[in-house]
């Protein structure tokens, strides 16, 4: 009970002191201070602060590609927010295109051999069916 009495007196004293200090100022006058104040405006801060420390990301995300190679273009910058499915970068396809072009003659030869082999099988089957 004694604590409650002490705290009540202390709070009442603080309220009375703040009320008295506000009443002692002329109407419309700002409280005296050693600071210069200005109205707030929007703008850029051009100051640079150098500090030593480390930062931690709020979330880790694994990003991977289905193909490897050199990047041709990057479509995002550090700190950009991205959405699922958004194109982040392009991989240079010239290496893969050259490989496809180089492999086309071999593919054509294999396709031709396969066609010839399947035609021969069809002829054999046709010969067996006719009784020869």
N, C-alpha and C. Protein backbone atom coordinates (compact mmCIF):
# COMPACT_ATOMS: atom_id res chain seq x y z
N UNK A 1 0.82 -1.18 0.00
CA UNK A 1 0.00 0.00 0.00
C UNK A 1 0.87 1.25 0.00
N UNK A 2 1.98 1.16 0.73
CA UNK A 2 2.88 2.31 0.83
C UNK A 2 3.51 2.61 -0.54
N UNK A 3 3.86 1.53 -1.30
CA UNK A 3 4.43 1.73 -2.63
C UNK A 3 3.45 2.46 -3.55
N UNK A 4 2.20 2.06 -3.53
CA UNK A 4 1.17 2.70 -4.34
C UNK A 4 1.07 4.18 -4.01
N UNK A 5 1.15 4.49 -2.73
CA UNK A 5 1.07 5.89 -2.29
C UNK A 5 2.27 6.69 -2.82
N UNK A 6 3.47 6.11 -2.77
CA UNK A 6 4.68 6.80 -3.23
C UNK A 6 4.61 7.01 -4.74
N UNK A 7 4.21 5.98 -5.48
CA UNK A 7 4.12 6.12 -6.94
C UNK A 7 3.05 7.13 -7.35
N UNK A 8 1.94 7.15 -6.66
CA UNK A 8 0.88 8.12 -6.97
C UNK A 8 1.37 9.54 -6.77
N UNK A 9 2.08 9.80 -5.68
CA UNK A 9 2.61 11.14 -5.40
C UNK A 9 3.64 11.53 -6.47
N UNK A 10 4.50 10.59 -6.84
CA UNK A 10 5.53 10.86 -7.85
C UNK A 10 4.91 11.20 -9.20
N UNK A 11 3.92 10.43 -9.65
CA UNK A 11 3.26 10.68 -10.93
C UNK A 11 2.51 12.01 -10.89
N UNK A 12 1.82 12.28 -9.81
CA UNK A 12 1.09 13.54 -9.66
C UNK A 12 2.05 14.73 -9.71
N UNK A 13 3.22 14.58 -9.13
CA UNK A 13 4.22 15.65 -9.16
C UNK A 13 4.74 15.89 -10.57
N UNK A 14 5.00 14.82 -11.32
CA UNK A 14 5.46 14.97 -12.70
C UNK A 14 4.41 15.63 -13.58
N UNK A 15 3.17 15.26 -13.44
CA UNK A 15 2.09 15.87 -14.22
C UNK A 15 1.99 17.36 -13.89
N UNK A 16 2.06 17.72 -12.62
CA UNK A 16 1.98 19.12 -12.21
C UNK A 16 3.16 19.92 -12.75
N UNK A 17 4.36 19.34 -12.73
CA UNK A 17 5.54 20.05 -13.23
C UNK A 17 5.44 20.27 -14.73
N UNK A 18 4.99 19.30 -15.50
CA UNK A 18 4.88 19.49 -16.94
C UNK A 18 3.79 20.50 -17.28
N UNK A 19 2.68 20.50 -16.54
CA UNK A 19 1.62 21.48 -16.75
C UNK A 19 2.12 22.89 -16.45
N UNK A 20 2.86 23.04 -15.39
CA UNK A 20 3.38 24.35 -15.01
C UNK A 20 4.39 24.86 -16.04
N UNK A 21 5.22 23.97 -16.62
CA UNK A 21 6.20 24.43 -17.61
C UNK A 21 5.50 24.85 -18.90
N UNK A 22 4.41 24.21 -19.28
CA UNK A 22 3.67 24.59 -20.48
C UNK A 22 2.95 25.92 -20.28
N UNK A 23 2.45 26.19 -19.06
CA UNK A 23 1.74 27.43 -18.78
C UNK A 23 2.68 28.62 -18.71
N UNK A 24 3.95 28.40 -18.48
CA UNK A 24 4.89 29.51 -18.35
C UNK A 24 5.32 30.06 -19.71
N UNK A 25 5.06 29.33 -20.82
CA UNK A 25 5.42 29.81 -22.16
C UNK A 25 4.34 30.75 -22.70
N UNK A 26 4.73 31.81 -23.47
CA UNK A 26 3.73 32.66 -24.11
C UNK A 26 2.96 31.86 -25.16
N UNK A 27 1.75 32.25 -25.49
CA UNK A 27 0.91 31.53 -26.45
C UNK A 27 1.57 31.49 -27.82
N UNK A 28 1.68 30.30 -28.45
CA UNK A 28 2.24 30.14 -29.78
C UNK A 28 3.75 30.09 -29.82
N UNK A 29 4.42 30.25 -28.71
CA UNK A 29 5.88 30.22 -28.69
C UNK A 29 6.37 28.79 -28.59
N UNK A 30 7.45 28.52 -29.31
CA UNK A 30 8.05 27.19 -29.25
C UNK A 30 8.96 27.11 -28.04
N UNK A 31 9.13 25.95 -27.47
CA UNK A 31 10.03 25.83 -26.33
C UNK A 31 11.46 26.16 -26.75
N UNK A 32 12.21 26.82 -25.91
CA UNK A 32 13.57 27.18 -26.28
C UNK A 32 14.45 25.93 -26.40
N UNK A 33 15.31 25.94 -27.41
CA UNK A 33 16.25 24.83 -27.57
C UNK A 33 17.47 25.34 -28.31
N UNK A 34 18.51 24.58 -28.28
CA UNK A 34 19.74 24.96 -28.95
C UNK A 34 19.80 24.42 -30.38
N UNK A 35 18.66 23.90 -30.89
CA UNK A 35 18.63 23.29 -32.22
C UNK A 35 17.87 24.18 -33.20
N UNK A 36 18.32 24.15 -34.45
CA UNK A 36 17.60 24.83 -35.52
C UNK A 36 16.67 23.82 -36.16
N UNK A 37 15.42 24.17 -36.33
CA UNK A 37 14.46 23.24 -36.92
C UNK A 37 13.99 23.76 -38.26
N UNK A 38 13.58 22.84 -39.13
CA UNK A 38 13.04 23.18 -40.44
C UNK A 38 11.89 22.22 -40.73
N UNK A 39 10.99 22.62 -41.62
CA UNK A 39 9.91 21.70 -42.00
C UNK A 39 10.47 20.48 -42.74
N UNK A 40 9.83 19.35 -42.57
CA UNK A 40 10.28 18.11 -43.22
C UNK A 40 9.91 18.14 -44.70
N UNK A 41 10.86 17.74 -45.56
CA UNK A 41 10.63 17.64 -47.00
C UNK A 41 11.20 16.32 -47.49
N UNK A 42 10.66 15.81 -48.60
CA UNK A 42 11.19 14.59 -49.20
C UNK A 42 12.42 14.92 -50.03
N UNK A 43 13.41 14.02 -50.03
CA UNK A 43 14.60 14.23 -50.82
C UNK A 43 15.56 13.07 -50.65
N UNK A 44 16.67 13.16 -51.35
CA UNK A 44 17.69 12.12 -51.29
C UNK A 44 18.75 12.50 -50.26
N UNK A 45 19.31 11.49 -49.64
CA UNK A 45 20.41 11.71 -48.70
C UNK A 45 21.69 11.35 -49.44
N UNK A 46 22.59 12.30 -49.52
CA UNK A 46 23.82 12.09 -50.28
C UNK A 46 25.01 11.73 -49.42
N UNK A 47 24.80 11.51 -48.15
CA UNK A 47 25.90 11.16 -47.26
C UNK A 47 26.22 9.67 -47.40
N UNK A 48 27.51 9.34 -47.29
CA UNK A 48 27.96 7.96 -47.35
C UNK A 48 28.50 7.59 -45.98
N UNK A 49 28.06 6.46 -45.49
CA UNK A 49 28.52 5.99 -44.18
C UNK A 49 29.34 4.73 -44.41
N UNK A 50 30.55 4.73 -43.92
CA UNK A 50 31.41 3.55 -44.02
C UNK A 50 31.36 2.83 -42.68
N UNK A 51 31.07 1.54 -42.75
CA UNK A 51 30.97 0.77 -41.51
C UNK A 51 31.52 -0.63 -41.75
N UNK A 52 31.94 -1.25 -40.69
CA UNK A 52 32.43 -2.63 -40.74
C UNK A 52 31.38 -3.49 -40.06
N UNK A 53 31.03 -4.58 -40.71
CA UNK A 53 30.04 -5.47 -40.11
C UNK A 53 29.61 -6.50 -41.13
N UNK A 54 28.56 -7.20 -40.82
CA UNK A 54 28.03 -8.19 -41.74
C UNK A 54 26.52 -8.08 -41.77
N UNK A 55 25.96 -8.44 -42.90
CA UNK A 55 24.50 -8.44 -43.04
C UNK A 55 24.03 -9.86 -43.25
N UNK A 56 22.82 -10.12 -42.88
CA UNK A 56 22.22 -11.43 -43.05
C UNK A 56 20.94 -11.27 -43.86
N UNK A 57 20.72 -12.12 -44.87
CA UNK A 57 19.48 -12.02 -45.64
C UNK A 57 18.29 -12.44 -44.80
N UNK A 58 17.14 -11.90 -45.13
CA UNK A 58 15.93 -12.29 -44.41
C UNK A 58 15.45 -13.66 -44.88
N UNK A 59 15.84 -14.06 -46.10
CA UNK A 59 15.41 -15.35 -46.64
C UNK A 59 16.44 -15.83 -47.65
N UNK A 60 16.76 -17.12 -47.62
CA UNK A 60 17.67 -17.71 -48.59
C UNK A 60 16.85 -18.37 -49.70
N UNK A 61 17.27 -18.18 -50.95
CA UNK A 61 16.59 -18.79 -52.08
C UNK A 61 17.64 -19.41 -52.99
N UNK A 62 17.45 -20.68 -53.38
CA UNK A 62 18.34 -21.32 -54.33
C UNK A 62 17.85 -21.03 -55.74
N UNK A 63 18.76 -20.57 -56.58
CA UNK A 63 18.43 -20.28 -57.97
C UNK A 63 19.29 -21.18 -58.84
N UNK A 64 18.69 -21.86 -59.78
CA UNK A 64 19.44 -22.76 -60.63
C UNK A 64 18.97 -22.66 -62.06
N UNK A 65 19.76 -23.22 -62.95
CA UNK A 65 19.42 -23.24 -64.37
C UNK A 65 19.47 -24.66 -64.87
N UNK A 66 18.70 -24.95 -65.91
CA UNK A 66 18.70 -26.29 -66.47
C UNK A 66 19.85 -26.49 -67.44
N UNK A 67 20.51 -25.41 -67.82
CA UNK A 67 21.64 -25.48 -68.75
C UNK A 67 22.79 -24.66 -68.18
N UNK A 68 24.00 -25.02 -68.56
CA UNK A 68 25.15 -24.25 -68.12
C UNK A 68 25.70 -23.46 -69.29
N UNK A 69 26.46 -22.44 -68.99
CA UNK A 69 27.05 -21.63 -70.05
C UNK A 69 27.33 -20.23 -69.55
N UNK A 70 27.76 -19.39 -70.49
CA UNK A 70 28.05 -18.00 -70.14
C UNK A 70 26.78 -17.17 -70.25
N UNK A 71 26.66 -16.20 -69.34
CA UNK A 71 25.48 -15.35 -69.36
C UNK A 71 25.57 -14.34 -70.49
N UNK A 72 24.49 -14.19 -71.20
CA UNK A 72 24.40 -13.23 -72.30
C UNK A 72 23.83 -11.91 -71.78
N UNK A 73 22.84 -11.98 -70.88
CA UNK A 73 22.23 -10.78 -70.32
C UNK A 73 21.66 -11.09 -68.95
N UNK A 74 21.74 -10.11 -68.06
CA UNK A 74 21.14 -10.22 -66.73
C UNK A 74 20.04 -9.17 -66.65
N UNK A 75 18.84 -9.58 -66.31
CA UNK A 75 17.68 -8.69 -66.36
C UNK A 75 17.27 -8.14 -65.00
N UNK A 76 18.04 -8.40 -63.96
CA UNK A 76 17.73 -7.86 -62.63
C UNK A 76 19.00 -7.28 -62.03
N UNK A 77 18.82 -6.43 -61.03
CA UNK A 77 19.95 -5.83 -60.32
C UNK A 77 19.92 -6.32 -58.88
N UNK A 78 21.01 -6.13 -58.18
CA UNK A 78 21.10 -6.53 -56.78
C UNK A 78 20.05 -5.76 -55.99
N UNK A 79 19.28 -6.48 -55.20
CA UNK A 79 18.27 -5.85 -54.37
C UNK A 79 16.90 -5.75 -55.02
N UNK A 80 16.77 -6.08 -56.32
CA UNK A 80 15.46 -6.03 -56.98
C UNK A 80 14.56 -7.11 -56.40
N UNK A 81 13.29 -6.80 -56.34
CA UNK A 81 12.30 -7.81 -55.97
C UNK A 81 11.88 -8.53 -57.25
N UNK A 82 11.82 -9.85 -57.19
CA UNK A 82 11.46 -10.64 -58.36
C UNK A 82 10.25 -11.49 -58.03
N UNK A 83 9.54 -11.90 -59.08
CA UNK A 83 8.38 -12.75 -58.89
C UNK A 83 8.64 -14.11 -59.51
N UNK A 84 7.87 -15.08 -59.12
CA UNK A 84 8.03 -16.43 -59.64
C UNK A 84 7.77 -16.44 -61.14
N UNK A 85 8.68 -17.06 -61.89
CA UNK A 85 8.53 -17.14 -63.33
C UNK A 85 9.17 -15.98 -64.08
N UNK A 86 9.66 -14.97 -63.39
CA UNK A 86 10.28 -13.81 -64.04
C UNK A 86 11.63 -14.20 -64.63
N UNK A 87 11.93 -13.70 -65.85
CA UNK A 87 13.19 -13.97 -66.50
C UNK A 87 14.29 -13.19 -65.78
N UNK A 88 15.28 -13.90 -65.25
CA UNK A 88 16.37 -13.26 -64.50
C UNK A 88 17.60 -13.05 -65.37
N UNK A 89 17.92 -14.02 -66.22
CA UNK A 89 19.13 -13.94 -67.03
C UNK A 89 18.96 -14.80 -68.27
N UNK A 90 19.80 -14.53 -69.28
CA UNK A 90 19.81 -15.33 -70.51
C UNK A 90 21.18 -15.95 -70.67
N UNK A 91 21.19 -17.23 -71.04
CA UNK A 91 22.45 -17.94 -71.27
C UNK A 91 22.75 -17.88 -72.77
N UNK A 92 23.99 -17.60 -73.11
CA UNK A 92 24.43 -17.51 -74.51
C UNK A 92 24.27 -18.87 -75.18
N UNK A 93 23.52 -18.92 -76.27
CA UNK A 93 23.21 -20.21 -76.92
C UNK A 93 24.14 -20.52 -78.09
N UNK A 94 25.14 -19.71 -78.37
CA UNK A 94 25.99 -19.96 -79.55
C UNK A 94 26.75 -21.28 -79.43
N UNK A 95 27.20 -21.64 -78.25
CA UNK A 95 27.93 -22.90 -78.06
C UNK A 95 27.00 -24.07 -78.37
N UNK A 96 25.76 -24.02 -77.85
CA UNK A 96 24.83 -25.11 -78.08
C UNK A 96 24.38 -25.16 -79.53
N UNK A 97 24.20 -24.00 -80.16
CA UNK A 97 23.80 -23.96 -81.56
C UNK A 97 24.90 -24.55 -82.45
N UNK A 98 26.16 -24.25 -82.13
CA UNK A 98 27.28 -24.81 -82.90
C UNK A 98 27.33 -26.32 -82.73
N UNK A 99 27.05 -26.81 -81.54
CA UNK A 99 27.06 -28.25 -81.30
C UNK A 99 25.95 -28.94 -82.10
N UNK A 100 24.77 -28.32 -82.15
CA UNK A 100 23.65 -28.89 -82.92
C UNK A 100 24.01 -28.92 -84.40
N UNK A 101 24.58 -27.81 -84.89
CA UNK A 101 24.96 -27.74 -86.30
C UNK A 101 26.00 -28.80 -86.63
N UNK A 102 26.97 -29.00 -85.75
CA UNK A 102 28.02 -29.99 -85.98
C UNK A 102 27.47 -31.41 -85.93
N UNK A 103 26.47 -31.66 -85.12
CA UNK A 103 25.92 -33.01 -84.98
C UNK A 103 24.87 -33.37 -86.03
N UNK A 104 24.39 -32.41 -86.81
CA UNK A 104 23.33 -32.69 -87.78
C UNK A 104 23.74 -33.70 -88.85
N UNK A 105 24.96 -33.64 -89.42
CA UNK A 105 25.31 -34.68 -90.41
C UNK A 105 25.29 -36.09 -89.81
N UNK A 106 25.78 -36.24 -88.60
CA UNK A 106 25.75 -37.55 -87.94
C UNK A 106 24.33 -38.00 -87.69
N UNK A 107 23.46 -37.08 -87.31
CA UNK A 107 22.06 -37.40 -87.07
C UNK A 107 21.39 -37.83 -88.37
N UNK A 108 21.72 -37.13 -89.47
CA UNK A 108 21.14 -37.47 -90.77
C UNK A 108 21.58 -38.88 -91.19
N UNK A 109 22.85 -39.21 -90.95
CA UNK A 109 23.36 -40.55 -91.31
C UNK A 109 22.66 -41.63 -90.49
N UNK A 110 22.49 -41.37 -89.20
CA UNK A 110 21.82 -42.36 -88.34
C UNK A 110 20.37 -42.53 -88.76
N UNK A 111 19.70 -41.41 -89.08
CA UNK A 111 18.30 -41.49 -89.51
C UNK A 111 18.18 -42.27 -90.81
N UNK A 112 19.11 -42.01 -91.72
CA UNK A 112 19.09 -42.72 -93.01
C UNK A 112 19.32 -44.22 -92.81
N UNK A 113 20.28 -44.57 -91.98
CA UNK A 113 20.56 -45.98 -91.71
C UNK A 113 19.37 -46.65 -91.04
N UNK A 114 18.72 -45.93 -90.19
CA UNK A 114 17.55 -46.49 -89.50
C UNK A 114 16.41 -46.72 -90.48
N UNK A 115 16.21 -45.75 -91.39
CA UNK A 115 15.17 -45.91 -92.39
C UNK A 115 15.45 -47.11 -93.30
N UNK A 116 16.71 -47.23 -93.69
CA UNK A 116 17.09 -48.36 -94.56
C UNK A 116 16.89 -49.68 -93.83
N UNK A 117 17.24 -49.71 -92.56
CA UNK A 117 17.09 -50.93 -91.77
C UNK A 117 15.62 -51.28 -91.60
N UNK A 118 14.78 -50.29 -91.34
CA UNK A 118 13.35 -50.59 -91.16
C UNK A 118 12.71 -50.97 -92.49
N UNK A 119 13.17 -50.40 -93.63
CA UNK A 119 12.66 -50.81 -94.94
C UNK A 119 13.03 -52.26 -95.24
N UNK A 120 14.26 -52.66 -94.90
CA UNK A 120 14.70 -54.04 -95.10
C UNK A 120 13.86 -55.01 -94.29
N UNK A 121 13.54 -54.62 -93.04
CA UNK A 121 12.70 -55.48 -92.20
C UNK A 121 11.32 -55.61 -92.80
N UNK A 122 10.81 -54.51 -93.34
CA UNK A 122 9.48 -54.58 -93.94
C UNK A 122 9.49 -55.51 -95.15
N UNK A 123 10.58 -55.44 -95.96
CA UNK A 123 10.66 -56.31 -97.13
C UNK A 123 10.74 -57.76 -96.70
N UNK A 124 11.51 -58.02 -95.62
CA UNK A 124 11.62 -59.41 -95.13
C UNK A 124 10.27 -59.90 -94.66
N UNK A 125 9.58 -59.09 -93.92
CA UNK A 125 8.28 -59.50 -93.43
C UNK A 125 7.30 -59.73 -94.57
N UNK A 126 7.39 -58.85 -95.59
CA UNK A 126 6.49 -58.99 -96.75
C UNK A 126 6.82 -60.29 -97.49
N UNK A 127 8.13 -60.62 -97.59
CA UNK A 127 8.55 -61.86 -98.27
C UNK A 127 8.08 -63.07 -97.53
N UNK A 128 8.14 -63.05 -96.20
CA UNK A 128 7.68 -64.20 -95.40
C UNK A 128 6.18 -64.37 -95.50
N UNK A 129 5.50 -63.25 -95.53
CA UNK A 129 4.04 -63.32 -95.58
C UNK A 129 3.57 -63.88 -96.93
N UNK A 130 4.31 -63.60 -98.01
CA UNK A 130 3.88 -64.07 -99.33
C UNK A 130 4.34 -65.51 -99.58
N UNK A 131 5.19 -66.04 -98.71
CA UNK A 131 5.61 -67.43 -98.82
C UNK A 131 6.90 -67.61 -99.57
N UNK A 132 7.66 -66.57 -99.84
CA UNK A 132 8.90 -66.79 -100.55
C UNK A 132 10.06 -67.04 -99.66
